[in-house]
């Protein structure tokens, strides 16, 4: 069986990821380089891309034990922690695979970068709200955080509000794939505020495809109402992957401009609706000291807190790589050890053993980035973050501000 290959992954045999940046990829974590994979510039269809020579090569490699470089994120995760998305998806989706007849049965769509939040670790290609912040930083001649850097290819495709939407031929492609789809995943931006997503839901329901579809929505969980929840219940199965990166004030600081109290209310509404849901956290400099509090809240309200989505790349100014060892060690003591925190614990262990010493330019980048965002949002890190993190940042601010 194909699963016996040490490098097997089901996704390239059943899956397509269409990113808001205009690229098709085997999955959201893969690195894919091809002159035919930018759907903003070509008229290559989803099925044509899926049957390309490069995708055939990838499938062949995964069946024969070859670690194709497109999948380096998973290879690196497995080297450090022994776990990866690839291994999780083998358990979830191998039953959909026919290696002799690859076919798109699982579609992961980012139809727009339209969003209602401007999370600090995100960027303006994935949230048009951050585009407003980038413009404000430039107008005030402040330092632009490295993860908010300008993308010329993105800029030529956005409107005056910073919104970029997939071209019409992609929407038509998606409609043609619906008869064979068994899993539809939607991310953003924020799917619940993207008009094209709501249009796609209506088509699935009206044409009878919803009854055969597992619907997975990656969402910030802030926009759910009874009408929307009733609509998604018409699908065969529904699961919400809710993004949340802190408890209390840390949430307020990272996931601007929403606030924790309103978010907690939305979670309660979702739980009362009976729709399956869990929370995914991106561990980072801002929240590492706060994660245990989020876990305790999750236990109280009965919702799973996933901690295995590590921030990439490590050169982001708010990466755990730059956090002092004493803060990481304290966080490790407090974080609840379970299957949902295994990868984070292993990552912290790896970082503590290597004890990376940031350069002066890296420390200055942290200070300038925090300072710029605090300035335009009229926030101050001292009012939101954990005491050890505040003490560390204060030391850096004295040195570089």
Protein backbone atom coordinates (compact mmCIF):
# COMPACT_ATOMS: atom_id res chain seq x y z
CA UNK A 1 0.00 0.00 0.00
CA UNK A 2 1.07 3.57 -0.69
CA UNK A 3 0.98 4.45 3.01
CA UNK A 4 3.97 2.15 3.62
CA UNK A 5 6.28 4.62 1.91
CA UNK A 6 8.17 6.62 4.53
CA UNK A 7 7.44 9.81 2.60
CA UNK A 8 3.83 9.19 1.60
CA UNK A 9 1.35 12.04 1.97
CA UNK A 10 -2.25 11.83 0.76
CA UNK A 11 -2.64 15.51 -0.13
CA UNK A 12 -0.92 15.66 -3.55
CA UNK A 13 -3.24 12.85 -4.71
CA UNK A 14 -6.49 14.51 -3.61
CA UNK A 15 -5.84 18.12 -2.68
CA UNK A 16 -5.35 21.60 -4.05
CA UNK A 17 -4.56 24.75 -2.12
CA UNK A 18 -5.45 28.02 -3.84
CA UNK A 19 -3.79 30.87 -1.96
CA UNK A 20 -4.89 34.48 -1.78
CA UNK A 21 -1.49 35.34 -3.25
CA UNK A 22 -2.54 33.72 -6.54
CA UNK A 23 -0.78 30.37 -6.33
CA UNK A 24 -1.89 26.77 -6.49
CA UNK A 25 0.05 24.46 -4.22
CA UNK A 26 -0.20 20.82 -3.04
CA UNK A 27 -0.91 22.17 0.47
CA UNK A 28 -0.71 25.42 2.41
CA UNK A 29 2.77 24.60 3.78
CA UNK A 30 4.38 23.50 0.54
CA UNK A 31 6.89 25.37 -1.59
CA UNK A 32 5.82 25.22 -5.20
CA UNK A 33 7.76 26.80 -8.07
CA UNK A 34 6.34 26.69 -11.58
CA UNK A 35 5.60 29.14 -14.37
CA UNK A 36 2.07 27.73 -14.49
CA UNK A 37 1.06 28.04 -10.85
CA UNK A 38 0.16 31.74 -10.65
CA UNK A 39 -3.52 31.87 -11.49
CA UNK A 40 -3.57 35.66 -11.59
CA UNK A 41 -1.24 35.59 -14.60
CA UNK A 42 -2.24 32.42 -16.44
CA UNK A 43 -5.42 30.75 -17.61
CA UNK A 44 -4.29 27.31 -16.50
CA UNK A 45 -7.20 25.58 -14.80
CA UNK A 46 -7.13 23.78 -11.49
CA UNK A 47 -7.32 20.33 -13.15
CA UNK A 48 -4.54 21.24 -15.60
CA UNK A 49 -2.26 22.37 -12.78
CA UNK A 50 -3.08 19.25 -10.76
CA UNK A 51 -2.00 17.06 -13.72
CA UNK A 52 1.25 19.00 -14.36
CA UNK A 53 4.63 17.30 -14.67
CA UNK A 54 5.85 18.83 -11.43
CA UNK A 55 2.85 17.47 -9.52
CA UNK A 56 3.37 14.05 -11.13
CA UNK A 57 7.00 14.17 -9.98
CA UNK A 58 5.94 15.04 -6.44
CA UNK A 59 3.46 12.16 -6.29
CA UNK A 60 6.06 9.74 -7.62
CA UNK A 61 8.62 10.89 -5.04
CA UNK A 62 6.19 10.49 -2.15
CA UNK A 63 5.39 6.94 -3.25
CA UNK A 64 9.06 5.92 -3.55
CA UNK A 65 10.58 7.34 -0.36
CA UNK A 66 12.05 10.53 -1.86
CA UNK A 67 11.84 13.70 0.25
CA UNK A 68 10.75 16.23 -2.36
CA UNK A 69 11.86 19.77 -1.45
CA UNK A 70 8.30 21.09 -1.90
CA UNK A 71 7.54 19.44 1.44
CA UNK A 72 10.47 20.82 3.44
CA UNK A 73 8.20 22.30 6.13
CA UNK A 74 6.99 18.84 7.10
CA UNK A 75 10.43 17.22 6.79
CA UNK A 76 11.84 19.89 9.13
CA UNK A 77 8.96 19.52 11.60
CA UNK A 78 9.43 15.77 11.70
CA UNK A 79 13.18 16.16 12.22
CA UNK A 80 12.63 18.40 15.26
CA UNK A 81 9.45 16.99 16.79
CA UNK A 82 8.67 13.70 15.06
CA UNK A 83 5.25 15.09 14.07
CA UNK A 84 3.87 17.08 11.13
CA UNK A 85 0.77 17.97 9.15
CA UNK A 86 1.71 15.19 6.74
CA UNK A 87 1.46 12.56 9.48
CA UNK A 88 -1.84 13.95 10.77
CA UNK A 89 -3.34 13.95 7.28
CA UNK A 90 -2.29 10.36 6.62
CA UNK A 91 -4.68 9.41 9.42
CA UNK A 92 -7.45 11.73 8.24
CA UNK A 93 -7.52 11.45 4.45
CA UNK A 94 -5.76 8.32 3.18
CA UNK A 95 -9.16 6.72 2.60
CA UNK A 96 -9.84 9.24 -0.20
CA UNK A 97 -6.67 8.33 -2.13
CA UNK A 98 -6.50 6.30 -5.35
CA UNK A 99 -2.84 6.54 -6.32
CA UNK A 100 -3.63 5.28 -9.84
CA UNK A 101 -6.16 8.05 -10.42
CA UNK A 102 -5.29 11.31 -8.63
CA UNK A 103 -8.32 13.61 -8.42
CA UNK A 104 -9.12 16.79 -6.50
CA UNK A 105 -11.44 15.71 -3.70
CA UNK A 106 -10.21 18.11 -1.05
CA UNK A 107 -10.09 21.80 -1.93
CA UNK A 108 -8.45 24.42 0.28
CA UNK A 109 -9.51 27.89 -0.85
CA UNK A 110 -8.41 31.41 -0.06
CA UNK A 111 -10.70 33.49 -2.23
CA UNK A 112 -9.78 36.88 -0.79
CA UNK A 113 -7.67 38.66 1.82
CA UNK A 114 -10.70 40.58 3.08
CA UNK A 115 -10.70 40.45 6.88
CA UNK A 116 -12.07 42.28 9.90
CA UNK A 117 -8.95 41.84 12.08
CA UNK A 118 -5.32 42.96 11.81
CA UNK A 119 -3.39 40.38 13.84
CA UNK A 120 0.20 41.32 14.62
CA UNK A 121 1.79 38.15 13.24
CA UNK A 122 -0.21 38.31 9.99
CA UNK A 123 0.54 40.45 6.90
CA UNK A 124 -1.39 42.60 4.45
CA UNK A 125 -1.48 39.92 1.75
CA UNK A 126 -3.71 37.92 4.13
CA UNK A 127 -5.61 40.77 5.81
CA UNK A 128 -6.59 43.99 4.10
CA UNK A 129 -6.93 45.58 7.56
CA UNK A 130 -3.14 45.38 7.92
CA UNK A 131 -2.88 47.27 4.63
CA UNK A 132 -4.38 50.24 6.50
CA UNK A 133 -1.72 49.92 9.19
CA UNK A 134 1.07 49.62 6.63
CA UNK A 135 -0.16 52.83 4.98
CA UNK A 136 -0.35 54.60 8.36
CA UNK A 137 3.20 53.53 9.25
CA UNK A 138 4.50 54.81 5.93
CA UNK A 139 2.61 58.11 6.27
CA UNK A 140 4.14 58.67 9.72
CA UNK A 141 7.59 57.61 8.47
CA UNK A 142 7.86 54.85 11.08
CA UNK A 143 9.72 51.56 10.81
CA UNK A 144 7.84 48.93 8.80
CA UNK A 145 7.96 45.51 10.54
CA UNK A 146 9.72 42.88 8.45
CA UNK A 147 6.63 40.66 8.18
CA UNK A 148 4.61 43.63 6.88
CA UNK A 149 6.98 44.40 4.01
CA UNK A 150 5.55 45.53 0.68
CA UNK A 151 4.86 42.97 -2.04
CA UNK A 152 4.89 44.58 -5.50
CA UNK A 153 3.10 41.61 -7.08
CA UNK A 154 0.36 41.90 -4.46
CA UNK A 155 0.08 45.68 -4.74
CA UNK A 156 -0.83 45.67 -8.44
CA UNK A 157 -3.81 43.37 -7.75
CA UNK A 158 -5.47 45.07 -4.76
CA UNK A 159 -8.16 47.73 -4.72
CA UNK A 160 -8.14 50.99 -2.77
CA UNK A 161 -9.14 49.11 0.41
CA UNK A 162 -6.26 46.68 0.09
CA UNK A 163 -8.56 43.81 -0.93
CA UNK A 164 -7.49 41.20 -3.45
CA UNK A 165 -10.05 38.71 -4.74
CA UNK A 166 -9.49 35.58 -6.82
CA UNK A 167 -10.31 36.10 -10.52
CA UNK A 168 -13.64 34.86 -11.91
CA UNK A 169 -12.12 31.90 -13.76
CA UNK A 170 -11.01 30.46 -10.40
CA UNK A 171 -14.55 30.65 -9.08
CA UNK A 172 -15.73 28.87 -12.25
CA UNK A 173 -13.02 26.22 -11.73
CA UNK A 174 -14.26 25.61 -8.21
CA UNK A 175 -17.83 25.15 -9.43
CA UNK A 176 -16.66 22.52 -11.92
CA UNK A 177 -14.89 20.57 -9.15
CA UNK A 178 -17.87 20.43 -6.77
CA UNK A 179 -19.32 17.08 -8.01
CA UNK A 180 -16.14 15.20 -6.98
CA UNK A 181 -15.35 17.17 -3.82
CA UNK A 182 -15.67 15.51 -0.44
CA UNK A 183 -13.85 18.13 1.66
CA UNK A 184 -14.07 21.90 1.22
CA UNK A 185 -11.80 24.05 3.38
CA UNK A 186 -12.11 27.83 3.40
CA UNK A 187 -9.64 30.31 4.85
CA UNK A 188 -8.88 33.95 4.21
CA UNK A 189 -8.78 36.71 5.08
CA UNK A 190 -11.84 35.91 7.10
CA UNK A 191 -14.20 33.57 5.21
CA UNK A 192 -17.33 34.79 6.99
CA UNK A 193 -16.93 38.33 5.56
CA UNK A 194 -15.94 37.32 2.01
CA UNK A 195 -18.92 37.59 -0.40
CA UNK A 196 -17.58 34.88 -2.73
CA UNK A 197 -17.51 32.37 0.14
CA UNK A 198 -21.16 32.98 0.96
CA UNK A 199 -22.01 32.67 -2.75
CA UNK A 200 -20.19 29.33 -2.88
CA UNK A 201 -22.12 28.06 0.15
CA UNK A 202 -25.41 28.90 -1.54
CA UNK A 203 -24.39 27.06 -4.73
CA UNK A 204 -23.40 23.97 -2.73
CA UNK A 205 -26.74 23.98 -0.94
CA UNK A 206 -28.93 24.75 -3.97
CA UNK A 207 -27.21 22.21 -6.25
CA UNK A 208 -27.26 19.45 -3.64
CA UNK A 209 -23.48 19.19 -3.18
CA UNK A 210 -23.55 20.26 0.48
CA UNK A 211 -24.96 16.91 1.61
CA UNK A 212 -21.78 15.17 0.38
CA UNK A 213 -19.30 17.77 1.64
CA UNK A 214 -17.29 18.03 4.81
CA UNK A 215 -16.95 21.77 5.39
CA UNK A 216 -13.86 23.04 7.24
CA UNK A 217 -13.65 26.76 7.95
CA UNK A 218 -10.56 28.47 9.33
CA UNK A 219 -11.98 31.55 11.00
CA UNK A 220 -11.28 34.13 13.67
CA UNK A 221 -14.68 33.26 15.17
CA UNK A 222 -15.85 36.86 15.52
CA UNK A 223 -18.61 37.06 12.90
CA UNK A 224 -20.84 34.06 13.49
CA UNK A 225 -24.57 34.64 13.80
CA UNK A 226 -27.57 32.31 13.89
CA UNK A 227 -28.31 32.75 10.16
CA UNK A 228 -24.78 31.78 9.17
CA UNK A 229 -24.65 28.85 11.57
CA UNK A 230 -27.95 27.48 10.21
CA UNK A 231 -26.61 27.76 6.65
CA UNK A 232 -23.45 25.75 7.30
CA UNK A 233 -25.40 23.06 9.14
CA UNK A 234 -26.80 22.01 5.74
CA UNK A 235 -23.41 20.45 4.92
CA UNK A 236 -22.64 16.79 5.61
CA UNK A 237 -20.23 17.72 8.35
CA UNK A 238 -18.89 21.05 9.61
CA UNK A 239 -15.76 21.84 11.55
CA UNK A 240 -14.50 25.25 12.62
CA UNK A 241 -10.78 25.83 13.13
CA UNK A 242 -10.85 29.03 15.17
CA UNK A 243 -7.77 31.23 15.36
CA UNK A 244 -7.02 32.70 18.78
CA UNK A 245 -3.60 33.80 19.98
CA UNK A 246 -4.00 34.77 23.59
CA UNK A 247 -6.17 35.00 26.66
CA UNK A 248 -7.53 38.30 28.00
CA UNK A 249 -5.39 41.38 27.32
CA UNK A 250 -2.88 39.41 25.24
CA UNK A 251 -5.72 38.56 22.85
CA UNK A 252 -6.69 42.25 22.69
CA UNK A 253 -3.10 43.19 21.84
CA UNK A 254 -2.50 40.61 19.11
CA UNK A 255 -5.91 40.27 17.45
CA UNK A 256 -6.65 43.96 17.02
CA UNK A 257 -9.24 45.56 17.04
CA UNK A 258 -11.43 42.82 18.60
CA UNK A 259 -11.49 42.12 22.33
CA UNK A 260 -11.44 39.04 24.53
CA UNK A 261 -14.85 39.43 26.17
CA UNK A 262 -16.65 39.54 22.81
CA UNK A 263 -14.59 36.62 21.52
CA UNK A 264 -15.49 34.49 24.55
CA UNK A 265 -19.17 35.26 23.88
CA UNK A 266 -18.82 34.11 20.25
CA UNK A 267 -17.24 30.84 21.38
CA UNK A 268 -20.16 30.24 23.70
CA UNK A 269 -22.61 30.84 20.81
CA UNK A 270 -20.70 28.39 18.60
CA UNK A 271 -20.66 25.72 21.29
CA UNK A 272 -24.40 26.13 21.90
CA UNK A 273 -25.04 25.68 18.14
CA UNK A 274 -23.54 22.17 18.24
CA UNK A 275 -21.08 22.83 15.40
CA UNK A 276 -17.71 21.12 15.93
CA UNK A 277 -14.88 23.51 16.73
CA UNK A 278 -11.39 23.80 18.14
CA UNK A 279 -8.94 26.66 18.64
CA UNK A 280 -5.56 26.99 16.96
CA UNK A 281 -2.84 29.20 18.43
CA UNK A 282 0.28 30.58 16.76
CA UNK A 283 2.89 30.56 19.56
CA UNK A 284 5.07 33.67 19.33
CA UNK A 285 6.97 36.27 21.31
CA UNK A 286 3.78 38.09 22.31
CA UNK A 287 1.87 35.14 23.76
CA UNK A 288 4.32 32.46 24.94
CA UNK A 289 3.94 33.57 28.57
CA UNK A 290 0.13 33.56 28.26
CA UNK A 291 -0.57 30.22 26.59
CA UNK A 292 -1.14 28.29 29.80
CA UNK A 293 -3.94 30.73 30.72
CA UNK A 294 -5.59 30.09 27.37
CA UNK A 295 -5.33 26.34 27.95
CA UNK A 296 -6.97 26.67 31.38
CA UNK A 297 -9.81 28.70 29.85
CA UNK A 298 -10.22 26.05 27.13
CA UNK A 299 -10.55 23.38 29.82
CA UNK A 300 -13.19 25.44 31.63
CA UNK A 301 -15.38 26.01 28.58
CA UNK A 302 -14.70 22.63 26.97
CA UNK A 303 -12.88 23.54 23.76
CA UNK A 304 -9.61 22.06 22.48
CA UNK A 305 -6.59 24.39 22.25
CA UNK A 306 -4.12 23.42 19.51
CA UNK A 307 -0.54 24.68 19.86
CA UNK A 308 1.23 22.96 16.99
CA UNK A 309 1.06 25.77 14.42
CA UNK A 310 4.57 27.24 14.85
CA UNK A 311 5.19 30.74 13.45
CA UNK A 312 7.17 30.76 10.19
CA UNK A 313 9.66 31.92 9.18
CA UNK A 314 11.90 31.97 12.25
CA UNK A 315 13.27 35.32 11.11
CA UNK A 316 9.98 37.11 11.92
CA UNK A 317 10.72 39.68 14.62
CA UNK A 318 8.13 38.06 16.93
CA UNK A 319 9.42 34.52 16.47
CA UNK A 320 10.09 32.30 19.50
CA UNK A 321 13.65 32.06 18.24
CA UNK A 322 14.42 35.47 19.74
CA UNK A 323 12.73 34.94 23.10
CA UNK A 324 15.20 34.59 26.01
CA UNK A 325 15.68 31.09 27.37
CA UNK A 326 14.40 31.93 30.87
CA UNK A 327 11.02 32.98 29.41
CA UNK A 328 10.79 29.85 27.27
CA UNK A 329 11.70 27.63 30.22
CA UNK A 330 9.06 29.27 32.43
CA UNK A 331 6.45 28.87 29.69
CA UNK A 332 7.38 25.21 29.25
CA UNK A 333 6.77 24.58 32.97
CA UNK A 334 3.31 26.15 32.79
CA UNK A 335 2.02 24.78 29.45
CA UNK A 336 -0.19 21.72 29.81
CA UNK A 337 1.44 18.72 28.13
CA UNK A 338 -0.91 16.86 25.78
CA UNK A 339 -1.15 15.86 22.13
CA UNK A 340 -2.07 19.42 21.20
CA UNK A 341 1.06 20.92 22.79
CA UNK A 342 3.58 18.19 21.96
CA UNK A 343 5.14 19.98 18.99
CA UNK A 344 5.40 23.29 20.84
CA UNK A 345 7.11 21.64 23.83
CA UNK A 346 9.61 19.95 21.51
CA UNK A 347 10.23 23.25 19.72
CA UNK A 348 10.85 25.04 23.03
CA UNK A 349 13.22 22.25 24.12
CA UNK A 350 15.11 22.61 20.84
CA UNK A 351 15.35 26.40 21.17
CA UNK A 352 16.52 26.18 24.80
CA UNK A 353 19.22 23.66 23.94
CA UNK A 354 20.57 25.83 21.11
CA UNK A 355 20.24 29.13 23.05
CA UNK A 356 20.23 31.41 20.01
CA UNK A 357 21.85 34.80 20.66
CA UNK A 358 20.09 37.52 18.59
CA UNK A 359 22.27 40.04 16.79
CA UNK A 360 21.99 43.74 17.54
CA UNK A 361 20.15 44.30 14.25
CA UNK A 362 17.63 41.57 15.17
CA UNK A 363 17.05 43.09 18.61
CA UNK A 364 16.63 46.52 17.05
CA UNK A 365 14.10 45.07 14.60
CA UNK A 366 12.03 43.75 17.53
CA UNK A 367 12.03 47.14 19.26
CA UNK A 368 11.25 49.19 16.15
CA UNK A 369 8.48 46.82 15.04
CA UNK A 370 6.74 46.78 18.42
CA UNK A 371 7.12 50.54 18.68
CA UNK A 372 5.67 51.25 15.22
CA UNK A 373 2.56 49.12 15.69
CA UNK A 374 2.02 50.41 19.24
CA UNK A 375 2.21 53.98 17.92
CA UNK A 376 -0.37 53.67 15.16
CA UNK A 377 -2.76 51.63 17.36
CA UNK A 378 -2.26 53.77 20.46
CA UNK A 379 -1.26 50.73 22.49
CA UNK A 380 1.65 50.01 24.81
CA UNK A 381 3.07 46.52 25.21
CA UNK A 382 3.50 47.13 28.96
CA UNK A 383 -0.29 47.19 29.39
CA UNK A 384 -0.91 43.83 27.70
CA UNK A 385 1.93 41.30 27.83
CA UNK A 386 3.24 38.93 30.50
CA UNK A 387 5.63 40.30 33.18
CA UNK A 388 8.76 38.46 32.00
CA UNK A 389 8.13 39.50 28.40
CA UNK A 390 7.57 43.12 29.44
CA UNK A 391 10.80 43.10 31.50
CA UNK A 392 12.76 41.72 28.54
CA UNK A 393 11.27 44.22 26.07
CA UNK A 394 11.91 47.10 28.49
CA UNK A 395 15.58 46.17 28.48
CA UNK A 396 15.66 46.16 24.68
CA UNK A 397 13.82 49.49 24.49
CA UNK A 398 16.36 51.12 26.80
CA UNK A 399 19.12 49.84 24.54
CA UNK A 400 17.65 50.65 21.12
CA UNK A 401 14.67 53.03 21.29
